[in-house]
């Protein structure tokens, strides 16, 4: 969620009338935008988690976590196949809404769970 240009201009004009400098206003608006981005991430978390590693010696649990994504396709594209040995290692995509693994990668191919 971003603050529109019109809203920013209105805020700046309001604060200038109160005696604040333009730089102070810009800093305030930047801070509000960062806070809104954080709120968006907290209340709209990514649904699909990618876990991946080499076929041997998995790190285990959270250490195999590679990232959170909005779609299965996005998570599949993010799997760093060239980073892992033996046909790209392994990967699981976990759906946080259904609490199930929806895709897995093994021997160089994605498969439905």
N, C-alpha and C. Protein backbone atom coordinates (compact mmCIF):
# COMPACT_ATOMS: atom_id res chain seq x y z
N UNK A 1 0.86 -1.17 0.00
CA UNK A 1 0.00 0.00 0.00
C UNK A 1 0.90 1.23 0.00
N UNK A 2 0.78 2.06 -1.03
CA UNK A 2 1.59 3.27 -1.13
C UNK A 2 0.71 4.50 -0.96
N UNK A 3 1.34 5.56 -0.51
CA UNK A 3 0.65 6.84 -0.39
C UNK A 3 0.69 7.50 -1.76
N UNK A 4 -0.45 7.98 -2.25
CA UNK A 4 -0.49 8.59 -3.57
C UNK A 4 0.27 9.92 -3.57
N UNK A 5 0.64 10.34 -4.78
CA UNK A 5 1.36 11.60 -4.92
C UNK A 5 0.52 12.77 -4.39
N UNK A 6 -0.77 12.74 -4.66
CA UNK A 6 -1.66 13.81 -4.18
C UNK A 6 -1.68 13.86 -2.65
N UNK A 7 -1.74 12.67 -2.03
CA UNK A 7 -1.73 12.61 -0.56
C UNK A 7 -0.41 13.13 -0.01
N UNK A 8 0.69 12.78 -0.67
CA UNK A 8 2.00 13.27 -0.23
C UNK A 8 2.06 14.79 -0.31
N UNK A 9 1.59 15.33 -1.43
CA UNK A 9 1.62 16.78 -1.60
C UNK A 9 0.75 17.48 -0.55
N UNK A 10 -0.39 16.93 -0.25
CA UNK A 10 -1.26 17.50 0.77
C UNK A 10 -0.59 17.46 2.14
N UNK A 11 0.07 16.34 2.47
CA UNK A 11 0.79 16.24 3.74
C UNK A 11 1.90 17.27 3.83
N UNK A 12 2.67 17.39 2.73
CA UNK A 12 3.78 18.36 2.72
C UNK A 12 3.25 19.77 2.94
N UNK A 13 2.21 20.15 2.22
CA UNK A 13 1.65 21.50 2.37
C UNK A 13 1.14 21.75 3.79
N UNK A 14 0.50 20.74 4.37
CA UNK A 14 -0.01 20.85 5.73
C UNK A 14 1.13 21.06 6.73
N UNK A 15 2.21 20.29 6.59
CA UNK A 15 3.33 20.41 7.52
C UNK A 15 4.13 21.69 7.30
N UNK A 16 4.22 22.14 6.06
CA UNK A 16 4.92 23.41 5.79
C UNK A 16 4.17 24.56 6.48
N UNK A 17 2.83 24.52 6.44
CA UNK A 17 2.02 25.53 7.12
C UNK A 17 2.30 25.53 8.62
N UNK A 18 2.65 24.35 9.16
CA UNK A 18 2.95 24.24 10.59
C UNK A 18 4.40 24.59 10.93
N UNK A 19 5.21 24.89 9.90
CA UNK A 19 6.57 25.33 10.17
C UNK A 19 7.66 24.27 9.98
N UNK A 20 7.30 23.11 9.50
CA UNK A 20 8.31 22.08 9.26
C UNK A 20 8.96 22.28 7.90
N UNK A 21 10.22 21.85 7.76
CA UNK A 21 10.92 21.98 6.48
C UNK A 21 10.47 20.88 5.52
N UNK A 22 10.76 21.10 4.23
CA UNK A 22 10.43 20.11 3.20
C UNK A 22 11.16 18.80 3.47
N UNK A 23 12.42 18.87 3.88
CA UNK A 23 13.20 17.65 4.17
C UNK A 23 12.57 16.85 5.31
N UNK A 24 12.08 17.55 6.34
CA UNK A 24 11.42 16.85 7.44
C UNK A 24 10.15 16.15 6.95
N UNK A 25 9.42 16.81 6.06
CA UNK A 25 8.20 16.22 5.51
C UNK A 25 8.50 14.98 4.68
N UNK A 26 9.52 15.06 3.84
CA UNK A 26 9.88 13.93 2.98
C UNK A 26 10.31 12.74 3.85
N UNK A 27 11.07 13.00 4.90
CA UNK A 27 11.48 11.93 5.80
C UNK A 27 10.29 11.28 6.48
N UNK A 28 9.32 12.09 6.88
CA UNK A 28 8.11 11.57 7.50
C UNK A 28 7.33 10.69 6.53
N UNK A 29 7.14 11.17 5.31
CA UNK A 29 6.38 10.41 4.30
C UNK A 29 7.10 9.11 3.97
N UNK A 30 8.42 9.14 3.82
CA UNK A 30 9.18 7.91 3.55
C UNK A 30 8.99 6.92 4.69
N UNK A 31 8.99 7.41 5.92
CA UNK A 31 8.79 6.55 7.08
C UNK A 31 7.40 5.93 7.09
N UNK A 32 6.40 6.70 6.73
CA UNK A 32 5.03 6.19 6.66
C UNK A 32 4.93 5.11 5.59
N UNK A 33 5.54 5.34 4.43
CA UNK A 33 5.50 4.33 3.36
C UNK A 33 6.16 3.03 3.81
N UNK A 34 7.29 3.11 4.50
CA UNK A 34 7.96 1.90 5.00
C UNK A 34 7.07 1.18 6.02
N UNK A 35 6.41 1.92 6.87
CA UNK A 35 5.51 1.31 7.86
C UNK A 35 4.34 0.63 7.16
N UNK A 36 3.80 1.24 6.11
CA UNK A 36 2.69 0.65 5.37
C UNK A 36 3.14 -0.63 4.66
N UNK A 37 4.35 -0.64 4.11
CA UNK A 37 4.89 -1.84 3.46
C UNK A 37 5.03 -2.98 4.47
N UNK A 38 5.49 -2.66 5.68
CA UNK A 38 5.63 -3.67 6.73
C UNK A 38 4.27 -4.23 7.12
N UNK A 39 3.29 -3.36 7.29
CA UNK A 39 1.94 -3.80 7.63
C UNK A 39 1.39 -4.71 6.54
N UNK A 40 1.63 -4.35 5.28
CA UNK A 40 1.18 -5.18 4.15
C UNK A 40 1.80 -6.57 4.23
N UNK A 41 3.10 -6.63 4.53
CA UNK A 41 3.79 -7.94 4.61
C UNK A 41 3.27 -8.76 5.79
N UNK A 42 2.97 -8.11 6.90
CA UNK A 42 2.49 -8.83 8.08
C UNK A 42 1.09 -9.38 7.85
N UNK A 43 0.20 -8.56 7.28
CA UNK A 43 -1.19 -8.97 7.14
C UNK A 43 -1.49 -9.72 5.84
N UNK A 44 -0.55 -9.70 4.90
CA UNK A 44 -0.72 -10.45 3.66
C UNK A 44 0.54 -11.26 3.39
N UNK A 45 0.82 -12.23 4.25
CA UNK A 45 2.05 -13.01 4.08
C UNK A 45 1.99 -13.87 2.82
N UNK A 46 3.14 -14.23 2.33
CA UNK A 46 3.22 -15.09 1.17
C UNK A 46 2.73 -16.49 1.55
N UNK A 47 2.03 -17.14 0.65
CA UNK A 47 1.36 -18.40 0.95
C UNK A 47 2.24 -19.62 0.76
N UNK A 48 3.21 -19.57 -0.15
CA UNK A 48 3.97 -20.76 -0.51
C UNK A 48 5.42 -20.65 -0.05
N UNK A 49 5.87 -21.66 0.71
CA UNK A 49 7.23 -21.68 1.23
C UNK A 49 8.04 -22.71 0.47
N UNK A 50 9.24 -22.32 0.06
CA UNK A 50 10.14 -23.21 -0.65
C UNK A 50 11.23 -23.70 0.30
N UNK A 51 11.36 -25.02 0.39
CA UNK A 51 12.44 -25.66 1.14
C UNK A 51 13.25 -26.44 0.11
N UNK A 52 14.57 -26.38 0.20
CA UNK A 52 15.39 -27.07 -0.80
C UNK A 52 16.78 -27.36 -0.26
N UNK A 53 17.45 -28.31 -0.91
CA UNK A 53 18.81 -28.65 -0.53
C UNK A 53 19.40 -29.71 -1.43
N UNK A 54 20.63 -30.13 -1.11
CA UNK A 54 21.28 -31.21 -1.83
C UNK A 54 20.62 -32.53 -1.45
N UNK A 55 20.77 -33.53 -2.31
CA UNK A 55 20.18 -34.85 -2.04
C UNK A 55 20.81 -35.52 -0.83
N UNK A 56 21.97 -35.11 -0.48
CA UNK A 56 22.64 -35.68 0.70
C UNK A 56 22.83 -34.58 1.74
N UNK A 57 22.88 -34.95 2.97
CA UNK A 57 23.10 -34.04 4.10
C UNK A 57 22.18 -32.82 4.09
N UNK A 58 20.87 -33.01 4.18
CA UNK A 58 20.00 -31.83 4.29
C UNK A 58 20.31 -31.09 5.58
N UNK A 59 20.17 -29.80 5.54
CA UNK A 59 20.43 -28.99 6.74
C UNK A 59 19.37 -29.24 7.79
N UNK A 60 18.15 -29.48 7.35
CA UNK A 60 17.06 -29.79 8.28
C UNK A 60 16.24 -28.58 8.67
N UNK A 61 14.93 -28.75 8.65
CA UNK A 61 14.00 -27.73 9.12
C UNK A 61 14.20 -26.36 8.48
N UNK A 62 14.25 -25.36 9.31
CA UNK A 62 14.34 -23.98 8.86
C UNK A 62 15.60 -23.67 8.07
N UNK A 63 16.65 -24.45 8.26
CA UNK A 63 17.89 -24.19 7.51
C UNK A 63 17.76 -24.56 6.04
N UNK A 64 16.73 -25.32 5.69
CA UNK A 64 16.47 -25.63 4.28
C UNK A 64 15.47 -24.65 3.65
N UNK A 65 14.98 -23.71 4.44
CA UNK A 65 14.02 -22.71 3.94
C UNK A 65 14.71 -21.78 2.96
N UNK A 66 14.14 -21.61 1.78
CA UNK A 66 14.74 -20.76 0.74
C UNK A 66 13.96 -19.49 0.48
N UNK A 67 12.69 -19.43 0.91
CA UNK A 67 11.94 -18.19 0.71
C UNK A 67 10.43 -18.43 0.70
N UNK A 68 9.68 -17.33 0.75
CA UNK A 68 8.22 -17.35 0.72
C UNK A 68 7.76 -16.65 -0.55
N UNK A 69 6.72 -17.20 -1.18
CA UNK A 69 6.29 -16.72 -2.49
C UNK A 69 4.78 -16.64 -2.57
N UNK A 70 4.29 -15.82 -3.49
CA UNK A 70 2.85 -15.61 -3.66
C UNK A 70 2.18 -16.72 -4.46
N UNK A 71 2.95 -17.44 -5.28
CA UNK A 71 2.36 -18.50 -6.09
C UNK A 71 3.29 -19.70 -6.16
N UNK A 72 2.73 -20.84 -6.52
CA UNK A 72 3.53 -22.05 -6.70
C UNK A 72 4.54 -21.83 -7.82
N UNK A 73 4.10 -21.20 -8.90
CA UNK A 73 4.97 -20.96 -10.05
C UNK A 73 6.17 -20.10 -9.67
N UNK A 74 5.93 -19.07 -8.87
CA UNK A 74 7.00 -18.18 -8.42
C UNK A 74 8.01 -18.96 -7.57
N UNK A 75 7.52 -19.83 -6.69
CA UNK A 75 8.40 -20.65 -5.85
C UNK A 75 9.20 -21.63 -6.71
N UNK A 76 8.55 -22.23 -7.72
CA UNK A 76 9.25 -23.16 -8.60
C UNK A 76 10.40 -22.47 -9.34
N UNK A 77 10.14 -21.26 -9.83
CA UNK A 77 11.17 -20.49 -10.55
C UNK A 77 12.33 -20.12 -9.63
N UNK A 78 12.05 -19.96 -8.35
CA UNK A 78 13.08 -19.53 -7.39
C UNK A 78 14.01 -20.66 -6.96
N UNK A 79 13.63 -21.91 -7.26
CA UNK A 79 14.48 -23.04 -6.85
C UNK A 79 15.81 -22.99 -7.59
N UNK A 80 16.92 -22.84 -6.86
CA UNK A 80 18.23 -22.71 -7.50
C UNK A 80 18.81 -24.07 -7.91
N UNK A 81 18.25 -24.68 -8.95
CA UNK A 81 18.65 -26.03 -9.37
C UNK A 81 20.15 -26.15 -9.63
N UNK A 82 20.73 -25.10 -10.21
CA UNK A 82 22.16 -25.16 -10.54
C UNK A 82 23.07 -25.06 -9.31
N UNK A 83 22.50 -24.71 -8.18
CA UNK A 83 23.29 -24.59 -6.95
C UNK A 83 23.53 -25.95 -6.29
N UNK A 84 22.65 -26.90 -6.57
CA UNK A 84 22.72 -28.19 -5.90
C UNK A 84 23.23 -29.29 -6.85
N UNK A 85 23.92 -30.25 -6.27
CA UNK A 85 24.44 -31.38 -7.04
C UNK A 85 23.33 -32.38 -7.33
N UNK A 86 23.65 -33.35 -8.20
CA UNK A 86 22.76 -34.47 -8.49
C UNK A 86 21.38 -34.03 -8.98
N UNK A 87 21.33 -33.53 -10.18
CA UNK A 87 20.06 -33.16 -10.83
C UNK A 87 19.30 -32.05 -10.10
N UNK A 88 19.98 -31.15 -9.49
CA UNK A 88 19.32 -30.00 -8.86
C UNK A 88 18.83 -30.20 -7.45
N UNK A 89 19.28 -31.29 -6.81
CA UNK A 89 18.90 -31.51 -5.42
C UNK A 89 17.42 -31.84 -5.28
N UNK A 90 16.88 -31.44 -4.16
CA UNK A 90 15.47 -31.69 -3.87
C UNK A 90 14.82 -30.37 -3.49
N UNK A 91 13.50 -30.30 -3.57
CA UNK A 91 12.76 -29.12 -3.12
C UNK A 91 11.33 -29.52 -2.80
N UNK A 92 10.74 -28.84 -1.85
CA UNK A 92 9.33 -28.98 -1.51
C UNK A 92 8.71 -27.60 -1.46
N UNK A 93 7.51 -27.48 -1.99
CA UNK A 93 6.75 -26.23 -1.87
C UNK A 93 5.57 -26.52 -0.94
N UNK A 94 5.55 -25.80 0.17
CA UNK A 94 4.55 -26.00 1.21
C UNK A 94 3.52 -24.88 1.14
N UNK A 95 2.24 -25.24 1.13
CA UNK A 95 1.14 -24.28 1.10
C UNK A 95 0.72 -23.99 2.54
N UNK A 96 0.89 -22.76 2.98
CA UNK A 96 0.59 -22.41 4.37
C UNK A 96 -0.91 -22.35 4.66
N UNK A 97 -1.74 -22.29 3.62
CA UNK A 97 -3.19 -22.26 3.86
C UNK A 97 -3.77 -23.65 4.02
N UNK A 98 -3.23 -24.63 3.28
CA UNK A 98 -3.74 -26.00 3.39
C UNK A 98 -2.87 -26.86 4.30
N UNK A 99 -1.71 -26.33 4.69
CA UNK A 99 -0.73 -27.06 5.51
C UNK A 99 -0.30 -28.37 4.84
N UNK A 100 -0.11 -28.30 3.52
CA UNK A 100 0.33 -29.47 2.77
C UNK A 100 1.43 -29.10 1.79
N UNK A 101 2.26 -30.08 1.49
CA UNK A 101 3.25 -29.92 0.43
C UNK A 101 2.51 -30.10 -0.89
N UNK A 102 2.61 -29.10 -1.79
CA UNK A 102 1.85 -29.16 -3.04
C UNK A 102 2.69 -29.58 -4.23
N UNK A 103 4.00 -29.39 -4.16
CA UNK A 103 4.91 -29.78 -5.24
C UNK A 103 6.21 -30.25 -4.62
N UNK A 104 6.86 -31.16 -5.32
CA UNK A 104 8.22 -31.52 -4.91
C UNK A 104 9.09 -31.69 -6.14
N UNK A 105 10.37 -31.44 -5.95
CA UNK A 105 11.37 -31.51 -7.01
C UNK A 105 12.37 -32.59 -6.64
N UNK A 106 12.56 -33.53 -7.57
CA UNK A 106 13.52 -34.61 -7.32
C UNK A 106 13.98 -35.16 -8.66
N UNK A 107 15.24 -35.48 -8.77
CA UNK A 107 15.85 -35.99 -10.00
C UNK A 107 15.54 -35.08 -11.20
N UNK A 108 15.64 -33.77 -10.95
CA UNK A 108 15.53 -32.80 -12.04
C UNK A 108 14.14 -32.47 -12.52
N UNK A 109 13.09 -32.93 -11.81
CA UNK A 109 11.73 -32.69 -12.27
C UNK A 109 10.82 -32.28 -11.12
N UNK A 110 9.88 -31.37 -11.45
CA UNK A 110 8.82 -31.00 -10.51
C UNK A 110 7.68 -31.99 -10.63
N UNK A 111 7.12 -32.40 -9.49
CA UNK A 111 5.99 -33.32 -9.49
C UNK A 111 4.95 -32.85 -8.49
N UNK A 112 3.70 -33.20 -8.75
CA UNK A 112 2.63 -32.88 -7.80
C UNK A 112 2.72 -33.83 -6.63
N UNK A 113 2.37 -33.36 -5.48
CA UNK A 113 2.41 -34.20 -4.27
C UNK A 113 1.20 -35.05 -4.19
